[in-house]
Amino acid sequence: MSSNASSLLLRKQLAELNKHPVEGFSAGLVDDSNIYEWQIMIVGPPDTQYEGGLFYATLTFTSEYPVKPPKMKFTTEMWHPNVYKNGDVCISILHEGEDIYGYEKASERWSPVHTVESILVSVISMLSSPNDESPANIDAAREWRTEKDVFNKKVQRIVRKSQDA
């Protein structure tokens, strides 16, 4: 796909999200001159440890989108088994190609039919239901499994911190 075609597709998806907002997140450009860098705000999902939090992230696309997935990175502090300590999101929907380790089915991985909306809905689902089988943050996954009270206290702290930002 040409960079012009990926740019047009991203502009169309942004216009659609502005016209028909989806509950749980908002999206816009970091800089109006760059369609490939998006600012995301995710509201912590109800009935989860993240409820009430306002979590910011960036989605960075290449000119090969939608053939290649974007990268997502939380810029707000995040404590989650599927988020690296530097904020990078590790979720099947953002992984392209075959999983040589066999953790993910092909149907769970990146496909050009995915949109910004489907990515963010998946990330919100990830917040609600972490996958601790193949964690990006081993410490968070260990706490999630064996020290839920310690995990919950850390998440409550980052939720409060996110509300003050």
N, C-alpha and C. Protein backbone atom coordinates (compact mmCIF):
# COMPACT_ATOMS: atom_id res chain seq x y z
N MET A 1 0.86 -1.17 0.00
CA MET A 1 0.00 0.00 0.00
C MET A 1 0.90 1.23 0.00
N SER A 2 0.55 2.21 -0.79
CA SER A 2 1.36 3.43 -0.87
C SER A 2 1.14 4.28 0.37
N SER A 3 2.11 5.17 0.63
CA SER A 3 1.97 6.04 1.79
C SER A 3 0.75 6.94 1.63
N ASN A 4 0.43 7.32 0.39
CA ASN A 4 -0.75 8.14 0.16
C ASN A 4 -2.02 7.38 0.54
N ALA A 5 -2.08 6.10 0.18
CA ALA A 5 -3.26 5.28 0.51
C ALA A 5 -3.36 5.07 2.02
N SER A 6 -2.23 4.82 2.70
CA SER A 6 -2.29 4.62 4.15
C SER A 6 -2.68 5.93 4.84
N SER A 7 -2.19 7.04 4.35
CA SER A 7 -2.55 8.34 4.89
C SER A 7 -4.05 8.60 4.74
N LEU A 8 -4.60 8.30 3.58
CA LEU A 8 -6.04 8.48 3.35
C LEU A 8 -6.87 7.58 4.27
N LEU A 9 -6.42 6.34 4.43
CA LEU A 9 -7.14 5.40 5.30
C LEU A 9 -7.13 5.90 6.75
N LEU A 10 -5.98 6.37 7.22
CA LEU A 10 -5.90 6.88 8.59
C LEU A 10 -6.76 8.13 8.77
N ARG A 11 -6.77 9.02 7.76
CA ARG A 11 -7.62 10.22 7.84
C ARG A 11 -9.10 9.82 7.92
N LYS A 12 -9.47 8.80 7.14
CA LYS A 12 -10.85 8.32 7.15
C LYS A 12 -11.21 7.74 8.52
N GLN A 13 -10.30 6.95 9.11
CA GLN A 13 -10.58 6.37 10.43
C GLN A 13 -10.67 7.45 11.51
N LEU A 14 -9.81 8.46 11.43
CA LEU A 14 -9.86 9.55 12.39
C LEU A 14 -11.17 10.33 12.27
N ALA A 15 -11.57 10.61 11.04
CA ALA A 15 -12.84 11.32 10.82
C ALA A 15 -14.01 10.51 11.36
N GLU A 16 -13.99 9.21 11.15
CA GLU A 16 -15.06 8.33 11.64
C GLU A 16 -15.12 8.34 13.17
N LEU A 17 -13.95 8.29 13.82
CA LEU A 17 -13.92 8.32 15.29
C LEU A 17 -14.39 9.67 15.83
N ASN A 18 -14.09 10.74 15.11
CA ASN A 18 -14.55 12.07 15.54
C ASN A 18 -16.06 12.21 15.34
N LYS A 19 -16.57 11.61 14.27
CA LYS A 19 -17.99 11.68 13.96
C LYS A 19 -18.80 10.77 14.87
N HIS A 20 -18.26 9.60 15.17
CA HIS A 20 -18.95 8.60 15.99
C HIS A 20 -18.00 8.13 17.09
N PRO A 21 -17.85 8.92 18.16
CA PRO A 21 -16.93 8.54 19.24
C PRO A 21 -17.32 7.20 19.85
N VAL A 22 -16.31 6.47 20.30
CA VAL A 22 -16.51 5.16 20.93
C VAL A 22 -16.27 5.33 22.43
N GLU A 23 -17.18 4.79 23.23
CA GLU A 23 -17.04 4.91 24.67
C GLU A 23 -15.76 4.22 25.14
N GLY A 24 -15.04 4.88 26.02
CA GLY A 24 -13.85 4.26 26.62
C GLY A 24 -12.54 4.83 26.15
N PHE A 25 -12.56 5.57 25.03
CA PHE A 25 -11.30 6.16 24.56
C PHE A 25 -11.58 7.35 23.66
N SER A 26 -10.56 8.16 23.49
CA SER A 26 -10.60 9.21 22.47
C SER A 26 -9.27 9.17 21.74
N ALA A 27 -9.28 9.66 20.51
CA ALA A 27 -8.09 9.62 19.67
C ALA A 27 -7.99 10.90 18.85
N GLY A 28 -6.77 11.34 18.66
CA GLY A 28 -6.51 12.51 17.83
C GLY A 28 -5.04 12.50 17.44
N LEU A 29 -4.66 13.45 16.64
CA LEU A 29 -3.27 13.51 16.19
C LEU A 29 -2.41 14.23 17.23
N VAL A 30 -1.18 13.76 17.38
CA VAL A 30 -0.21 14.44 18.24
C VAL A 30 0.07 15.81 17.64
N ASP A 31 0.23 15.83 16.31
CA ASP A 31 0.55 17.05 15.57
C ASP A 31 -0.26 16.99 14.28
N ASP A 32 -1.03 18.02 13.99
CA ASP A 32 -1.91 18.01 12.82
C ASP A 32 -1.19 17.75 11.50
N SER A 33 0.11 17.94 11.47
CA SER A 33 0.84 17.75 10.22
C SER A 33 1.32 16.31 10.03
N ASN A 34 1.08 15.42 11.04
CA ASN A 34 1.58 14.05 10.95
C ASN A 34 0.46 13.05 11.24
N ILE A 35 -0.12 12.49 10.19
CA ILE A 35 -1.22 11.53 10.33
C ILE A 35 -0.75 10.20 10.93
N TYR A 36 0.56 9.97 11.00
CA TYR A 36 1.09 8.69 11.47
C TYR A 36 1.37 8.64 12.97
N GLU A 37 1.12 9.72 13.69
CA GLU A 37 1.36 9.75 15.14
C GLU A 37 0.08 10.22 15.85
N TRP A 38 -0.55 9.29 16.57
CA TRP A 38 -1.81 9.58 17.24
C TRP A 38 -1.64 9.61 18.75
N GLN A 39 -2.39 10.50 19.38
CA GLN A 39 -2.49 10.59 20.84
C GLN A 39 -3.79 9.90 21.23
N ILE A 40 -3.70 9.00 22.18
CA ILE A 40 -4.86 8.22 22.62
C ILE A 40 -5.08 8.49 24.11
N MET A 41 -6.33 8.56 24.51
CA MET A 41 -6.66 8.62 25.93
C MET A 41 -7.67 7.50 26.19
N ILE A 42 -7.30 6.60 27.09
CA ILE A 42 -8.17 5.48 27.45
C ILE A 42 -8.68 5.72 28.87
N VAL A 43 -9.98 5.57 29.03
CA VAL A 43 -10.59 5.66 30.34
C VAL A 43 -10.54 4.25 30.94
N GLY A 44 -10.03 4.15 32.17
CA GLY A 44 -9.97 2.84 32.82
C GLY A 44 -11.34 2.18 32.82
N PRO A 45 -11.42 0.94 32.33
CA PRO A 45 -12.72 0.27 32.19
C PRO A 45 -13.43 0.08 33.53
N PRO A 46 -14.76 0.25 33.55
CA PRO A 46 -15.54 0.03 34.77
C PRO A 46 -15.36 -1.40 35.29
N ASP A 47 -15.47 -1.53 36.59
CA ASP A 47 -15.38 -2.84 37.25
C ASP A 47 -14.04 -3.53 37.06
N THR A 48 -12.98 -2.74 36.88
CA THR A 48 -11.61 -3.27 36.82
C THR A 48 -10.76 -2.48 37.80
N GLN A 49 -9.54 -2.95 38.03
CA GLN A 49 -8.61 -2.21 38.89
C GLN A 49 -8.29 -0.84 38.30
N TYR A 50 -8.46 -0.67 36.99
CA TYR A 50 -8.08 0.56 36.29
C TYR A 50 -9.21 1.58 36.22
N GLU A 51 -10.38 1.23 36.76
CA GLU A 51 -11.55 2.10 36.69
C GLU A 51 -11.23 3.50 37.21
N GLY A 52 -11.65 4.50 36.44
CA GLY A 52 -11.45 5.88 36.84
C GLY A 52 -10.15 6.49 36.39
N GLY A 53 -9.24 5.66 35.90
CA GLY A 53 -7.95 6.18 35.42
C GLY A 53 -8.08 6.81 34.06
N LEU A 54 -7.20 7.76 33.77
CA LEU A 54 -7.11 8.38 32.44
C LEU A 54 -5.71 8.11 31.93
N PHE A 55 -5.61 7.18 31.00
CA PHE A 55 -4.31 6.68 30.55
C PHE A 55 -4.03 7.15 29.13
N TYR A 56 -2.92 7.84 28.98
CA TYR A 56 -2.52 8.37 27.67
C TYR A 56 -1.52 7.44 27.01
N ALA A 57 -1.62 7.39 25.69
CA ALA A 57 -0.73 6.54 24.91
C ALA A 57 -0.55 7.16 23.53
N THR A 58 0.43 6.65 22.81
CA THR A 58 0.60 7.02 21.41
C THR A 58 0.44 5.78 20.56
N LEU A 59 -0.13 5.97 19.40
CA LEU A 59 -0.18 4.94 18.35
C LEU A 59 0.67 5.49 17.22
N THR A 60 1.69 4.75 16.83
CA THR A 60 2.59 5.18 15.77
C THR A 60 2.46 4.23 14.59
N PHE A 61 2.05 4.78 13.46
CA PHE A 61 1.83 4.01 12.24
C PHE A 61 3.01 4.21 11.29
N THR A 62 3.18 3.26 10.39
CA THR A 62 4.13 3.45 9.29
C THR A 62 3.32 3.67 8.02
N SER A 63 4.00 4.05 6.97
CA SER A 63 3.31 4.25 5.69
C SER A 63 2.85 2.91 5.11
N GLU A 64 3.21 1.79 5.76
CA GLU A 64 2.78 0.47 5.31
C GLU A 64 1.47 0.02 5.97
N TYR A 65 0.90 0.87 6.83
CA TYR A 65 -0.39 0.57 7.43
C TYR A 65 -1.44 0.54 6.32
N PRO A 66 -2.35 -0.40 6.29
CA PRO A 66 -2.70 -1.40 7.27
C PRO A 66 -2.02 -2.75 7.07
N VAL A 67 -1.08 -2.84 6.15
CA VAL A 67 -0.37 -4.11 5.98
C VAL A 67 0.44 -4.43 7.23
N LYS A 68 1.06 -3.40 7.81
CA LYS A 68 1.83 -3.57 9.05
C LYS A 68 1.11 -2.86 10.19
N PRO A 69 1.14 -3.46 11.39
CA PRO A 69 0.43 -2.86 12.53
C PRO A 69 1.17 -1.64 13.08
N PRO A 70 0.44 -0.80 13.78
CA PRO A 70 1.09 0.31 14.48
C PRO A 70 1.76 -0.20 15.76
N LYS A 71 2.51 0.67 16.38
CA LYS A 71 3.08 0.41 17.72
C LYS A 71 2.30 1.27 18.70
N MET A 72 2.03 0.72 19.86
CA MET A 72 1.33 1.48 20.88
C MET A 72 2.18 1.54 22.13
N LYS A 73 2.21 2.74 22.72
CA LYS A 73 3.02 2.94 23.92
C LYS A 73 2.26 3.85 24.89
N PHE A 74 2.08 3.38 26.12
CA PHE A 74 1.49 4.22 27.14
C PHE A 74 2.50 5.29 27.53
N THR A 75 2.04 6.53 27.58
CA THR A 75 2.90 7.62 28.05
C THR A 75 2.57 7.95 29.50
N THR A 76 1.43 7.47 29.97
CA THR A 76 1.07 7.52 31.39
C THR A 76 1.63 6.25 32.01
N GLU A 77 2.07 6.34 33.26
CA GLU A 77 2.57 5.16 33.95
C GLU A 77 1.52 4.05 33.89
N MET A 78 1.99 2.81 33.67
CA MET A 78 1.08 1.67 33.57
C MET A 78 1.72 0.47 34.25
N TRP A 79 0.94 -0.26 35.03
CA TRP A 79 1.40 -1.51 35.67
C TRP A 79 0.44 -2.59 35.22
N HIS A 80 0.91 -3.43 34.31
CA HIS A 80 0.04 -4.44 33.69
C HIS A 80 0.92 -5.54 33.12
N PRO A 81 0.49 -6.81 33.21
CA PRO A 81 1.30 -7.90 32.66
C PRO A 81 1.62 -7.78 31.16
N ASN A 82 0.76 -7.10 30.40
CA ASN A 82 0.96 -7.04 28.96
C ASN A 82 1.49 -5.70 28.48
N VAL A 83 2.07 -4.94 29.41
CA VAL A 83 2.69 -3.66 29.06
C VAL A 83 4.11 -3.66 29.61
N TYR A 84 5.08 -3.51 28.71
CA TYR A 84 6.48 -3.44 29.15
C TYR A 84 6.66 -2.26 30.11
N LYS A 85 7.69 -2.32 30.93
CA LYS A 85 7.94 -1.25 31.90
C LYS A 85 8.15 0.11 31.23
N ASN A 86 8.57 0.11 29.95
CA ASN A 86 8.75 1.38 29.23
C ASN A 86 7.44 1.89 28.61
N GLY A 87 6.33 1.14 28.79
CA GLY A 87 5.03 1.56 28.27
C GLY A 87 4.60 0.88 26.99
N ASP A 88 5.49 0.17 26.32
CA ASP A 88 5.13 -0.51 25.07
C ASP A 88 4.07 -1.58 25.34
N VAL A 89 3.03 -1.58 24.52
CA VAL A 89 1.93 -2.54 24.66
C VAL A 89 2.27 -3.81 23.90
N CYS A 90 2.10 -4.94 24.57
CA CYS A 90 2.35 -6.25 23.96
C CYS A 90 1.01 -7.00 23.95
N ILE A 91 0.37 -6.97 22.79
CA ILE A 91 -0.94 -7.60 22.64
C ILE A 91 -0.99 -8.26 21.26
N SER A 92 -1.62 -9.41 21.19
CA SER A 92 -1.61 -10.21 19.96
C SER A 92 -2.01 -9.42 18.72
N ILE A 93 -3.03 -8.58 18.86
CA ILE A 93 -3.57 -7.86 17.70
C ILE A 93 -2.51 -6.95 17.05
N LEU A 94 -1.46 -6.59 17.79
CA LEU A 94 -0.40 -5.73 17.25
C LEU A 94 0.82 -6.51 16.78
N HIS A 95 0.73 -7.85 16.80
CA HIS A 95 1.84 -8.69 16.34
C HIS A 95 1.56 -9.17 14.93
N GLU A 96 2.53 -8.99 14.05
CA GLU A 96 2.34 -9.44 12.67
C GLU A 96 3.04 -10.77 12.43
N GLY A 97 2.65 -11.42 11.35
CA GLY A 97 3.30 -12.66 10.95
C GLY A 97 2.89 -13.83 11.82
N GLU A 98 3.68 -14.89 11.74
CA GLU A 98 3.41 -16.11 12.49
C GLU A 98 4.07 -16.06 13.85
N ASP A 99 3.44 -16.67 14.83
CA ASP A 99 4.03 -16.77 16.16
C ASP A 99 4.86 -18.04 16.22
N ILE A 100 6.18 -17.88 16.17
CA ILE A 100 7.06 -19.05 16.15
C ILE A 100 7.04 -19.82 17.47
N TYR A 101 6.54 -19.18 18.54
CA TYR A 101 6.49 -19.85 19.84
C TYR A 101 5.17 -20.55 20.10
N GLY A 102 4.17 -20.30 19.26
CA GLY A 102 2.90 -20.98 19.38
C GLY A 102 1.97 -20.47 20.47
N TYR A 103 2.22 -19.26 21.00
CA TYR A 103 1.34 -18.70 22.03
C TYR A 103 0.07 -18.12 21.43
N GLU A 104 0.17 -17.61 20.21
CA GLU A 104 -0.97 -16.89 19.63
C GLU A 104 -1.44 -17.58 18.36
N LYS A 105 -2.75 -17.67 18.21
CA LYS A 105 -3.33 -18.19 16.98
C LYS A 105 -3.22 -17.11 15.90
N ALA A 106 -3.15 -17.53 14.66
CA ALA A 106 -3.07 -16.58 13.55
C ALA A 106 -4.26 -15.62 13.58
N SER A 107 -5.42 -16.12 13.98
CA SER A 107 -6.63 -15.28 14.00
C SER A 107 -6.56 -14.18 15.06
N GLU A 108 -5.66 -14.32 16.03
CA GLU A 108 -5.52 -13.32 17.09
C GLU A 108 -4.51 -12.23 16.72
N ARG A 109 -3.72 -12.47 15.70
CA ARG A 109 -2.63 -11.56 15.37
C ARG A 109 -3.08 -10.49 14.37
N TRP A 110 -2.16 -9.62 14.01
CA TRP A 110 -2.47 -8.50 13.13
C TRP A 110 -3.04 -8.96 11.80
N SER A 111 -4.04 -8.24 11.37
CA SER A 111 -4.63 -8.43 10.06
C SER A 111 -4.98 -7.03 9.53
N PRO A 112 -4.83 -6.79 8.24
CA PRO A 112 -5.14 -5.47 7.68
C PRO A 112 -6.59 -5.03 7.85
N VAL A 113 -7.46 -5.91 8.29
CA VAL A 113 -8.85 -5.49 8.51
C VAL A 113 -9.01 -4.72 9.82
N HIS A 114 -8.01 -4.79 10.69
CA HIS A 114 -8.10 -4.07 11.96
C HIS A 114 -8.04 -2.57 11.73
N THR A 115 -8.74 -1.86 12.62
CA THR A 115 -8.79 -0.40 12.57
C THR A 115 -8.28 0.14 13.90
N VAL A 116 -8.14 1.45 13.98
CA VAL A 116 -7.78 2.07 15.25
C VAL A 116 -8.82 1.67 16.30
N GLU A 117 -10.07 1.69 15.93
CA GLU A 117 -11.12 1.31 16.88
C GLU A 117 -10.94 -0.11 17.39
N SER A 118 -10.72 -1.06 16.50
CA SER A 118 -10.59 -2.47 16.94
C SER A 118 -9.33 -2.65 17.80
N ILE A 119 -8.27 -1.92 17.50
CA ILE A 119 -7.05 -1.99 18.32
C ILE A 119 -7.37 -1.51 19.74
N LEU A 120 -8.00 -0.34 19.84
CA LEU A 120 -8.24 0.24 21.16
C LEU A 120 -9.26 -0.53 21.96
N VAL A 121 -10.25 -1.10 21.30
CA VAL A 121 -11.20 -1.96 22.00
C VAL A 121 -10.46 -3.18 22.56
N SER A 122 -9.51 -3.71 21.81
CA SER A 122 -8.70 -4.85 22.29
C SER A 122 -7.83 -4.46 23.47
N VAL A 123 -7.26 -3.26 23.44
CA VAL A 123 -6.42 -2.80 24.55
C VAL A 123 -7.28 -2.61 25.81
N ILE A 124 -8.48 -2.07 25.65
CA ILE A 124 -9.38 -1.92 26.80
C ILE A 124 -9.73 -3.30 27.36
N SER A 125 -9.96 -4.25 26.48
CA SER A 125 -10.24 -5.62 26.91
C SER A 125 -9.02 -6.21 27.64
N MET A 126 -7.83 -5.91 27.15
CA MET A 126 -6.59 -6.37 27.79
C MET A 126 -6.50 -5.82 29.22
N LEU A 127 -6.89 -4.55 29.41
CA LEU A 127 -6.86 -3.98 30.75
C LEU A 127 -7.81 -4.73 31.67
N SER A 128 -8.94 -5.14 31.13
CA SER A 128 -9.95 -5.86 31.92
C SER A 128 -9.53 -7.28 32.22
N SER A 129 -8.78 -7.88 31.30
CA SER A 129 -8.46 -9.30 31.41
C SER A 129 -7.04 -9.57 30.92
N PRO A 130 -6.04 -9.37 31.79
CA PRO A 130 -4.65 -9.57 31.37
C PRO A 130 -4.37 -11.00 30.94
N ASN A 131 -3.42 -11.13 30.02
CA ASN A 131 -2.92 -12.45 29.61
C ASN A 131 -1.58 -12.64 30.32
N ASP A 132 -1.59 -13.42 31.40
CA ASP A 132 -0.35 -13.63 32.13
C ASP A 132 0.40 -14.87 31.67
N GLU A 133 -0.08 -15.49 30.59
CA GLU A 133 0.59 -16.66 30.02
C GLU A 133 1.87 -16.28 29.28
N SER A 134 1.85 -15.12 28.64
CA SER A 134 3.03 -14.66 27.91
C SER A 134 3.22 -13.17 28.19
N PRO A 135 3.68 -12.85 29.41
CA PRO A 135 3.72 -11.46 29.84
C PRO A 135 4.87 -10.65 29.24
N ALA A 136 4.62 -9.36 29.11
CA ALA A 136 5.66 -8.41 28.73
C ALA A 136 6.36 -7.91 30.00
N ASN A 137 5.58 -7.78 31.07
CA ASN A 137 6.11 -7.34 32.36
C ASN A 137 5.98 -8.51 33.32
N ILE A 138 7.08 -9.22 33.50
CA ILE A 138 7.08 -10.45 34.31
C ILE A 138 6.74 -10.15 35.77
N ASP A 139 7.23 -9.03 36.28
CA ASP A 139 6.94 -8.68 37.68
C ASP A 139 5.45 -8.42 37.89
N ALA A 140 4.84 -7.69 36.97
CA ALA A 140 3.40 -7.42 37.08
C ALA A 140 2.61 -8.72 36.94
N ALA A 141 3.03 -9.60 36.05
CA ALA A 141 2.33 -10.88 35.87
C ALA A 141 2.43 -11.74 37.13
N ARG A 142 3.62 -11.77 37.75
CA ARG A 142 3.80 -12.54 38.98
C ARG A 142 2.88 -12.00 40.07
N GLU A 143 2.87 -10.67 40.22
CA GLU A 143 1.98 -10.07 41.23
C GLU A 143 0.52 -10.34 40.91
N TRP A 144 0.15 -10.25 39.64
CA TRP A 144 -1.23 -10.51 39.23
C TRP A 144 -1.66 -11.92 39.66
N ARG A 145 -0.73 -12.88 39.50
CA ARG A 145 -1.04 -14.27 39.82
C ARG A 145 -0.97 -14.57 41.32
N THR A 146 0.07 -14.06 42.01
CA THR A 146 0.36 -14.55 43.36
C THR A 146 0.19 -13.51 44.47
N GLU A 147 0.19 -12.23 44.14
CA GLU A 147 0.07 -11.18 45.15
C GLU A 147 -0.92 -10.13 44.67
N LYS A 148 -2.16 -10.56 44.50
CA LYS A 148 -3.19 -9.69 43.92
C LYS A 148 -3.35 -8.39 44.71
N ASP A 149 -3.22 -8.45 46.02
CA ASP A 149 -3.37 -7.23 46.83
C ASP A 149 -2.25 -6.23 46.53
N VAL A 150 -1.03 -6.70 46.36
CA VAL A 150 0.10 -5.82 46.01
C VAL A 150 -0.10 -5.25 44.62
N PHE A 151 -0.52 -6.10 43.69
CA PHE A 151 -0.81 -5.65 42.32
C PHE A 151 -1.88 -4.56 42.34
N ASN A 152 -2.98 -4.82 43.05
CA ASN A 152 -4.10 -3.86 43.10
C ASN A 152 -3.68 -2.53 43.71
N LYS A 153 -2.83 -2.55 44.74
CA LYS A 153 -2.36 -1.30 45.36
C LYS A 153 -1.54 -0.49 44.37
N LYS A 154 -0.68 -1.15 43.60
CA LYS A 154 0.12 -0.44 42.60
C LYS A 154 -0.79 0.19 41.54
N VAL A 155 -1.77 -0.58 41.09
CA VAL A 155 -2.69 -0.07 40.06
C VAL A 155 -3.52 1.09 40.63
N GLN A 156 -3.98 0.98 41.87
CA GLN A 156 -4.75 2.07 42.47
C GLN A 156 -3.90 3.35 42.54
N ARG A 157 -2.61 3.20 42.83
CA ARG A 157 -1.72 4.36 42.89
C ARG A 157 -1.60 5.02 41.51
N ILE A 158 -1.44 4.20 40.46
CA ILE A 158 -1.29 4.81 39.12
C ILE A 158 -2.62 5.39 38.64
N VAL A 159 -3.75 4.81 39.06
CA VAL A 159 -5.05 5.40 38.72
C VAL A 159 -5.16 6.79 39.34
N ARG A 160 -4.84 6.91 40.63
CA ARG A 160 -4.89 8.22 41.29
C ARG A 160 -3.94 9.21 40.63
N LYS A 161 -2.74 8.74 40.33
CA LYS A 161 -1.73 9.59 39.68
C LYS A 161 -2.23 10.07 38.30
N SER A 162 -2.92 9.17 37.58
CA SER A 162 -3.41 9.53 36.24
C SER A 162 -4.52 10.58 36.32
N GLN A 163 -5.26 10.57 37.42
CA GLN A 163 -6.35 11.53 37.59
C GLN A 163 -5.81 12.93 37.92
N ASP A 164 -4.62 12.99 38.50
CA ASP A 164 -4.01 14.26 38.88
C ASP A 164 -3.23 14.90 37.73
N ALA A 165 -2.95 14.13 36.72
CA ALA A 165 -2.09 14.63 35.62
C ALA A 165 -2.80 15.66 34.77
